[in-house]
Amino acid sequence: MSVIAVAASPEVRELFFDADGWAALGRLGEVRLPADGADVGDERALARLLGDADVVVTGWGTAPLSADVLAAAPRLRLLAHTGASVKPFVTPASFARGVRVTQAGEAMAYAVGEQALALTLALLHQLHRFDHALRTGVDWAAAKAAPPRRELRGATVGVVGASRTGRAYLGLVRALGARVLVADPYLSDADAGVLGVERVDLDDLLARSLVVSLHAPVLPETVKMIGGRELALLPDGALLVNTARSALVDEAALLAVLRSGRIDAALDVFDAEPLPVDHPFRRLPNVLLTPHEAAGTVGSRRRAADIVIAEIDRFLRGEQLRHEVRPEHLDRTG
């Protein structure tokens, strides 16, 4: 019987696997959990767990498959990640050893897209400013004096990155009547036509969009792709939504333009997480904040578990994986 090691913290296991999930996993093999109190973020603890495992299921905080971990796990042949990015876990040594990799990022795309839509609507209707004013004791008349509110229908929305989350988001905003521009060097004109969007370069997108929503991966060429120059291209009153990664934006430049009051923003990701309690973002009325939870719906996490279970089943049956990540994919994924 195959051994499936679930190298995830108790918190992650509870969030992703319900009773049905555990039962389905158990039908595929012997499920091995970390010993009580074991920290799978420690390579030695991970090595002990993987001693006779054929498959490892990873979650946030799992240690990477280093050469030492692999040496202690001679049977290991598959890493199945409950999240999207596998870069914290895979290594050149694991690929060289033939350990295959799969992930459940597809499960999160709709949840992130839907939260990005919710943030977009909140910014358009100035809900963040109304809430901030009323909670901080501003009088009724002053609280009502927000900037002009606008509707999504007929608005131009710029999507940076035609990723899974970007496509989920653009589908939602298009359904509500938005015109969509997309900046993504890997998106072809033919694919843009299928999606019903206009493919443009980043500068054009920033200059023309009322709302800009970020959905690109963090790659060397995308780090701080939105800096002071790019933010200056946004029209006065533009709205920026970031549910992707903080590294896409120069945070100091963003803070400066937000302090000026020229644009509003909704942010789910930050350079420092947890966000410090004295961070200036927390005090600005034109900023809507969420604590890196865009993908954290019940449905998203259950779908992720279902994908992982199905991928393990395919692997053990010798079938083709549907969400495999190969070494050549890493230079285009976050």
Protein backbone atom coordinates (compact mmCIF):
# COMPACT_ATOMS: atom_id res chain seq x y z
CA MET A 1 0.00 0.00 0.00
CA SER A 2 1.19 3.50 -0.83
CA VAL A 3 2.04 5.85 2.01
CA ILE A 4 0.71 9.41 1.77
CA ALA A 5 2.38 11.81 4.20
CA VAL A 6 0.40 14.98 4.93
CA ALA A 7 3.20 17.41 5.81
CA ALA A 8 1.00 20.28 6.91
CA SER A 9 0.22 21.97 10.20
CA PRO A 10 -2.95 21.05 12.12
CA GLU A 11 -4.43 24.42 11.10
CA VAL A 12 -3.90 23.74 7.39
CA ARG A 13 -5.20 20.19 7.68
CA GLU A 14 -8.39 21.40 9.35
CA LEU A 15 -8.97 24.16 6.79
CA PHE A 16 -8.54 21.97 3.73
CA PHE A 17 -9.71 18.47 4.62
CA ASP A 18 -13.16 17.67 5.98
CA ALA A 19 -14.31 14.19 6.97
CA ASP A 20 -15.08 13.27 3.37
CA GLY A 21 -11.65 14.49 2.28
CA TRP A 22 -9.85 12.39 4.85
CA ALA A 23 -11.93 9.36 3.88
CA ALA A 24 -11.11 9.86 0.19
CA LEU A 25 -7.41 10.25 0.97
CA GLY A 26 -7.50 7.12 3.12
CA ARG A 27 -8.90 5.08 0.25
CA LEU A 28 -5.78 5.89 -1.75
CA GLY A 29 -3.25 4.69 0.78
CA GLU A 30 -2.00 4.81 4.34
CA VAL A 31 -2.20 8.42 5.53
CA ARG A 32 0.75 9.48 7.67
CA LEU A 33 0.50 12.64 9.81
CA PRO A 34 3.24 14.51 11.67
CA ALA A 35 3.79 13.47 15.28
CA ASP A 36 2.07 15.66 17.85
CA GLY A 37 4.03 18.87 18.19
CA ALA A 38 6.24 18.18 15.15
CA ASP A 39 7.02 21.22 13.02
CA VAL A 40 7.06 20.24 9.35
CA GLY A 41 8.80 23.52 8.65
CA ASP A 42 11.88 21.88 10.20
CA GLU A 43 13.76 19.72 7.70
CA ARG A 44 14.60 17.07 10.28
CA ALA A 45 10.95 16.67 11.28
CA LEU A 46 9.92 16.54 7.63
CA ALA A 47 12.57 13.91 6.90
CA ARG A 48 11.26 11.72 9.72
CA LEU A 49 7.70 11.99 8.39
CA LEU A 50 8.72 11.13 4.83
CA GLY A 51 10.85 8.10 5.64
CA ASP A 52 8.70 5.58 3.72
CA ALA A 53 6.30 7.94 1.98
CA ASP A 54 5.47 7.71 -1.70
CA VAL A 55 3.54 11.00 -1.75
CA VAL A 56 3.80 14.17 0.30
CA VAL A 57 0.95 16.68 0.64
CA THR A 58 2.32 20.10 1.50
CA GLY A 59 0.82 23.27 2.97
CA TRP A 60 2.00 26.69 4.11
CA GLY A 61 5.22 26.44 6.06
CA THR A 62 6.35 23.00 4.92
CA ALA A 63 10.13 22.75 4.61
CA PRO A 64 11.64 22.34 1.12
CA LEU A 65 12.66 19.01 -0.34
CA SER A 66 16.35 19.54 0.29
CA ALA A 67 19.00 16.95 -0.51
CA ASP A 68 18.98 15.85 3.15
CA VAL A 69 15.20 15.42 3.21
CA LEU A 70 15.30 13.47 -0.06
CA ALA A 71 18.06 11.22 1.24
CA ALA A 72 15.77 10.24 4.12
CA ALA A 73 12.82 9.61 1.79
CA PRO A 74 13.97 7.16 -0.90
CA ARG A 75 10.42 6.21 -1.98
CA LEU A 76 9.11 9.75 -2.44
CA ARG A 77 7.84 10.35 -5.99
CA LEU A 78 5.12 13.02 -5.80
CA LEU A 79 4.67 16.37 -4.06
CA ALA A 80 1.04 17.55 -4.09
CA HIS A 81 0.63 21.11 -2.82
CA THR A 82 -2.66 22.41 -1.41
CA GLY A 83 -1.85 25.92 -2.62
CA ALA A 84 -0.62 27.52 -5.83
CA SER A 85 3.09 28.36 -5.74
CA VAL A 86 5.37 25.36 -5.29
CA LYS A 87 8.59 27.36 -5.33
CA PRO A 88 9.05 27.22 -1.52
CA PHE A 89 9.02 23.40 -1.60
CA VAL A 90 10.62 22.09 -4.77
CA THR A 91 14.38 22.18 -5.31
CA PRO A 92 16.76 21.29 -8.14
CA ALA A 93 17.56 18.17 -6.13
CA SER A 94 13.92 17.10 -5.98
CA PHE A 95 13.45 17.50 -9.73
CA ALA A 96 16.74 15.70 -10.38
CA ARG A 97 15.53 12.83 -8.21
CA GLY A 98 12.41 12.55 -10.32
CA VAL A 99 9.93 13.79 -7.72
CA ARG A 100 6.93 15.05 -9.67
CA VAL A 101 4.99 18.10 -8.55
CA THR A 102 1.35 19.13 -8.71
CA GLN A 103 -0.63 21.94 -7.13
CA ALA A 104 -4.16 23.19 -6.50
CA GLY A 105 -3.91 26.81 -7.59
CA GLU A 106 -6.91 26.46 -9.89
CA ALA A 107 -9.11 25.99 -6.81
CA MET A 108 -8.33 29.50 -5.60
CA ALA A 109 -8.82 31.44 -8.82
CA TYR A 110 -12.54 32.07 -8.50
CA ALA A 111 -12.34 33.05 -4.81
CA VAL A 112 -9.58 35.58 -5.50
CA GLY A 113 -11.39 36.88 -8.56
CA GLU A 114 -14.59 37.30 -6.58
CA GLN A 115 -12.84 39.16 -3.74
CA ALA A 116 -11.13 41.41 -6.28
CA LEU A 117 -14.59 42.13 -7.68
CA ALA A 118 -15.92 42.87 -4.18
CA LEU A 119 -13.03 45.25 -3.54
CA THR A 120 -13.58 46.90 -6.91
CA LEU A 121 -17.25 47.54 -6.17
CA ALA A 122 -16.44 48.83 -2.69
CA LEU A 123 -13.95 51.33 -4.10
CA LEU A 124 -16.27 52.44 -6.88
CA HIS A 125 -19.06 53.11 -4.38
CA GLN A 126 -16.69 54.66 -1.80
CA LEU A 127 -17.75 52.21 0.92
CA HIS A 128 -14.29 52.32 2.48
CA ARG A 129 -14.41 56.10 2.88
CA PHE A 130 -17.93 56.06 4.30
CA ASP A 131 -17.01 53.33 6.78
CA HIS A 132 -13.80 55.07 7.85
CA ALA A 133 -15.59 58.40 8.35
CA LEU A 134 -18.40 56.96 10.44
CA ARG A 135 -16.10 54.81 12.55
CA THR A 136 -13.73 57.68 13.33
CA GLY A 137 -16.46 60.04 14.53
CA VAL A 138 -16.83 62.30 11.51
CA ASP A 139 -20.20 64.06 11.57
CA TRP A 140 -22.95 62.86 9.26
CA ALA A 141 -22.71 65.63 6.68
CA ALA A 142 -18.94 65.39 6.41
CA ALA A 143 -19.12 61.59 6.15
CA LYS A 144 -21.39 61.93 3.15
CA ALA A 145 -18.90 64.19 1.35
CA ALA A 146 -17.00 61.40 -0.39
CA PRO A 147 -15.56 61.73 -3.91
CA PRO A 148 -18.00 60.98 -6.75
CA ARG A 149 -19.20 57.39 -6.80
CA ARG A 150 -19.19 55.42 -10.02
CA GLU A 151 -20.61 52.21 -11.42
CA LEU A 152 -18.81 49.24 -12.86
CA ARG A 153 -21.12 49.12 -15.87
CA GLY A 154 -19.43 51.01 -18.68
CA ALA A 155 -16.19 51.53 -16.72
CA THR A 156 -12.79 50.65 -18.18
CA VAL A 157 -11.04 48.07 -16.03
CA GLY A 158 -7.39 47.17 -16.54
CA VAL A 159 -6.26 43.66 -15.61
CA VAL A 160 -2.52 43.17 -15.19
CA GLY A 161 -1.88 39.49 -15.78
CA ALA A 162 -4.16 37.02 -17.58
CA SER A 163 -3.51 34.40 -14.92
CA ARG A 164 -6.18 32.05 -13.59
CA THR A 165 -7.23 34.70 -11.07
CA GLY A 166 -7.01 37.44 -13.68
CA ARG A 167 -9.30 35.50 -15.98
CA ALA A 168 -11.75 34.77 -13.18
CA TYR A 169 -11.86 38.47 -12.30
CA LEU A 170 -12.17 39.76 -15.85
CA GLY A 171 -15.02 37.34 -16.50
CA LEU A 172 -16.88 38.70 -13.49
CA VAL A 173 -16.38 42.39 -14.30
CA ARG A 174 -17.27 41.83 -17.95
CA ALA A 175 -20.49 40.13 -16.85
CA LEU A 176 -21.35 43.34 -14.96
CA GLY A 177 -20.76 45.52 -17.99
CA ALA A 178 -17.13 46.66 -17.73
CA ARG A 179 -14.82 47.18 -20.69
CA VAL A 180 -11.62 45.23 -20.00
CA LEU A 181 -8.02 45.92 -21.00
CA VAL A 182 -5.36 43.28 -20.29
CA ALA A 183 -1.58 43.68 -20.09
CA ASP A 184 0.21 40.32 -20.25
CA PRO A 185 3.16 39.53 -22.55
CA TYR A 186 2.05 35.90 -22.81
CA LEU A 187 -1.53 36.67 -23.90
CA SER A 188 -2.03 36.37 -27.65
CA ASP A 189 -4.40 38.51 -29.67
CA ALA A 190 -6.40 35.37 -30.44
CA ASP A 191 -6.77 34.51 -26.75
CA ALA A 192 -7.69 38.11 -25.98
CA GLY A 193 -10.45 37.85 -28.56
CA VAL A 194 -11.78 34.68 -26.97
CA LEU A 195 -11.77 36.40 -23.57
CA GLY A 196 -13.51 39.46 -24.99
CA VAL A 197 -10.78 41.87 -23.88
CA GLU A 198 -8.37 44.32 -25.50
CA ARG A 199 -4.68 43.44 -25.19
CA VAL A 200 -2.54 46.51 -24.49
CA ASP A 201 0.81 47.36 -22.97
CA LEU A 202 1.08 48.29 -19.31
CA ASP A 203 1.47 52.04 -19.81
CA ASP A 204 -1.60 52.20 -22.03
CA LEU A 205 -3.60 50.16 -19.54
CA LEU A 206 -2.66 52.42 -16.64
CA ALA A 207 -3.46 55.61 -18.54
CA ARG A 208 -6.87 54.43 -19.73
CA SER A 209 -8.29 52.51 -16.76
CA LEU A 210 -10.57 53.70 -13.99
CA VAL A 211 -9.84 50.47 -12.10
CA VAL A 212 -6.56 48.53 -12.24
CA SER A 213 -6.50 45.05 -10.74
CA LEU A 214 -3.22 43.14 -10.35
CA HIS A 215 -3.09 39.40 -11.08
CA ALA A 216 0.49 38.81 -12.25
CA PRO A 217 3.01 36.35 -10.73
CA VAL A 218 6.14 37.55 -8.96
CA LEU A 219 9.00 37.09 -11.40
CA PRO A 220 12.26 39.05 -11.75
CA GLU A 221 10.65 41.20 -14.43
CA THR A 222 7.47 41.90 -12.44
CA VAL A 223 9.02 42.92 -9.10
CA LYS A 224 8.01 46.58 -8.50
CA MET A 225 6.52 46.75 -11.99
CA ILE A 226 4.14 49.36 -10.58
CA GLY A 227 6.41 52.16 -9.34
CA GLY A 228 6.25 55.92 -9.10
CA ARG A 229 6.38 56.40 -12.88
CA GLU A 230 3.59 53.91 -13.47
CA LEU A 231 1.38 55.27 -10.68
CA ALA A 232 1.73 58.75 -12.19
CA LEU A 233 0.10 57.42 -15.37
CA LEU A 234 -3.13 56.63 -13.54
CA PRO A 235 -5.90 59.18 -14.02
CA ASP A 236 -6.94 61.26 -11.01
CA GLY A 237 -9.50 59.28 -9.04
CA ALA A 238 -8.31 55.90 -10.34
CA LEU A 239 -8.66 52.80 -8.20
CA LEU A 240 -5.98 50.14 -7.63
CA VAL A 241 -6.78 46.61 -6.42
CA ASN A 242 -4.00 44.21 -5.39
CA THR A 243 -4.95 40.66 -4.38
CA ALA A 244 -1.84 39.20 -6.02
CA ARG A 245 1.51 39.96 -4.38
CA SER A 246 2.88 43.08 -2.72
CA ALA A 247 6.18 42.71 -4.57
CA LEU A 248 4.46 43.80 -7.79
CA VAL A 249 4.20 47.33 -6.40
CA ASP A 250 6.76 49.75 -5.01
CA GLU A 251 5.09 50.17 -1.62
CA ALA A 252 6.83 53.45 -0.80
CA ALA A 253 5.70 54.96 -4.10
CA LEU A 254 2.17 53.68 -3.54
CA LEU A 255 2.06 55.13 -0.04
CA ALA A 256 3.16 58.51 -1.39
CA VAL A 257 0.43 58.68 -4.02
CA LEU A 258 -2.20 57.44 -1.57
CA ARG A 259 -1.20 60.13 0.94
CA SER A 260 -1.74 62.69 -1.79
CA GLY A 261 -5.33 61.48 -2.09
CA ARG A 262 -5.07 61.28 -5.90
CA ILE A 263 -6.10 57.60 -6.10
CA ASP A 264 -7.77 55.00 -3.86
CA ALA A 265 -6.60 51.43 -3.31
CA ALA A 266 -7.76 48.09 -1.95
CA LEU A 267 -4.92 45.89 -0.71
CA ASP A 268 -4.88 42.27 0.43
CA VAL A 269 -1.08 41.85 0.36
CA PHE A 270 1.74 43.82 1.97
CA ASP A 271 5.53 43.97 2.12
CA ALA A 272 5.41 43.20 5.84
CA GLU A 273 2.93 40.57 6.97
CA PRO A 274 1.35 40.75 9.46
CA LEU A 275 0.82 44.39 8.61
CA PRO A 276 2.28 46.42 11.51
CA VAL A 277 -0.37 48.05 13.68
CA ASP A 278 1.26 51.44 13.16
CA HIS A 279 1.56 51.13 9.37
CA PRO A 280 0.38 54.31 7.60
CA PHE A 281 -1.96 52.29 5.36
CA ARG A 282 -4.16 51.65 8.39
CA ARG A 283 -4.87 55.35 8.88
CA LEU A 284 -5.67 56.42 5.33
CA PRO A 285 -9.36 56.86 4.52
CA ASN A 286 -8.78 56.13 0.83
CA VAL A 287 -7.39 52.62 1.47
CA LEU A 288 -9.41 49.44 1.96
CA LEU A 289 -7.44 46.67 3.70
CA THR A 290 -7.88 42.91 4.05
CA PRO A 291 -5.33 40.60 5.78
CA HIS A 292 -4.12 38.41 2.87
CA GLU A 293 -7.31 36.35 2.81
CA ALA A 294 -8.55 36.67 -0.78
CA ALA A 295 -8.36 32.91 -1.42
CA GLY A 296 -9.55 31.88 2.02
CA THR A 297 -13.12 30.78 1.33
CA VAL A 298 -14.48 27.43 2.50
CA GLY A 299 -15.26 26.51 -1.09
CA SER A 300 -11.77 27.37 -2.32
CA ARG A 301 -10.06 25.23 0.29
CA ARG A 302 -12.38 22.26 -0.21
CA ARG A 303 -11.81 22.46 -3.97
CA ALA A 304 -8.06 22.51 -3.33
CA ALA A 305 -8.31 19.32 -1.28
CA ASP A 306 -10.40 17.70 -4.01
CA ILE A 307 -7.78 18.59 -6.63
CA VAL A 308 -4.95 17.20 -4.49
CA ILE A 309 -6.84 13.97 -3.84
CA ALA A 310 -7.71 13.55 -7.53
CA GLU A 311 -4.10 14.21 -8.58
CA ILE A 312 -2.76 11.64 -6.10
CA ASP A 313 -5.29 9.13 -7.43
CA ARG A 314 -4.17 9.78 -11.01
CA PHE A 315 -0.53 9.46 -10.02
CA LEU A 316 -1.02 6.15 -8.23
CA ARG A 317 -2.99 4.81 -11.21
CA GLY A 318 -0.24 5.88 -13.61
CA GLU A 319 -2.51 8.43 -15.31
CA GLN A 320 -1.55 11.88 -16.57
CA LEU A 321 -1.57 14.65 -13.97
CA ARG A 322 -3.78 17.64 -14.80
CA HIS A 323 -1.96 20.26 -12.71
CA GLU A 324 1.66 19.18 -12.95
CA VAL A 325 4.45 21.74 -12.54
CA ARG A 326 7.65 20.93 -14.40
CA PRO A 327 10.99 22.72 -14.03
CA GLU A 328 10.45 24.66 -17.24
CA HIS A 329 7.22 26.12 -15.82
CA LEU A 330 8.88 27.81 -12.86
CA ASP A 331 10.13 30.86 -14.75
CA ARG A 332 6.52 31.86 -15.55
CA THR A 333 4.86 31.03 -12.23
CA GLY A 334 4.88 32.89 -8.95
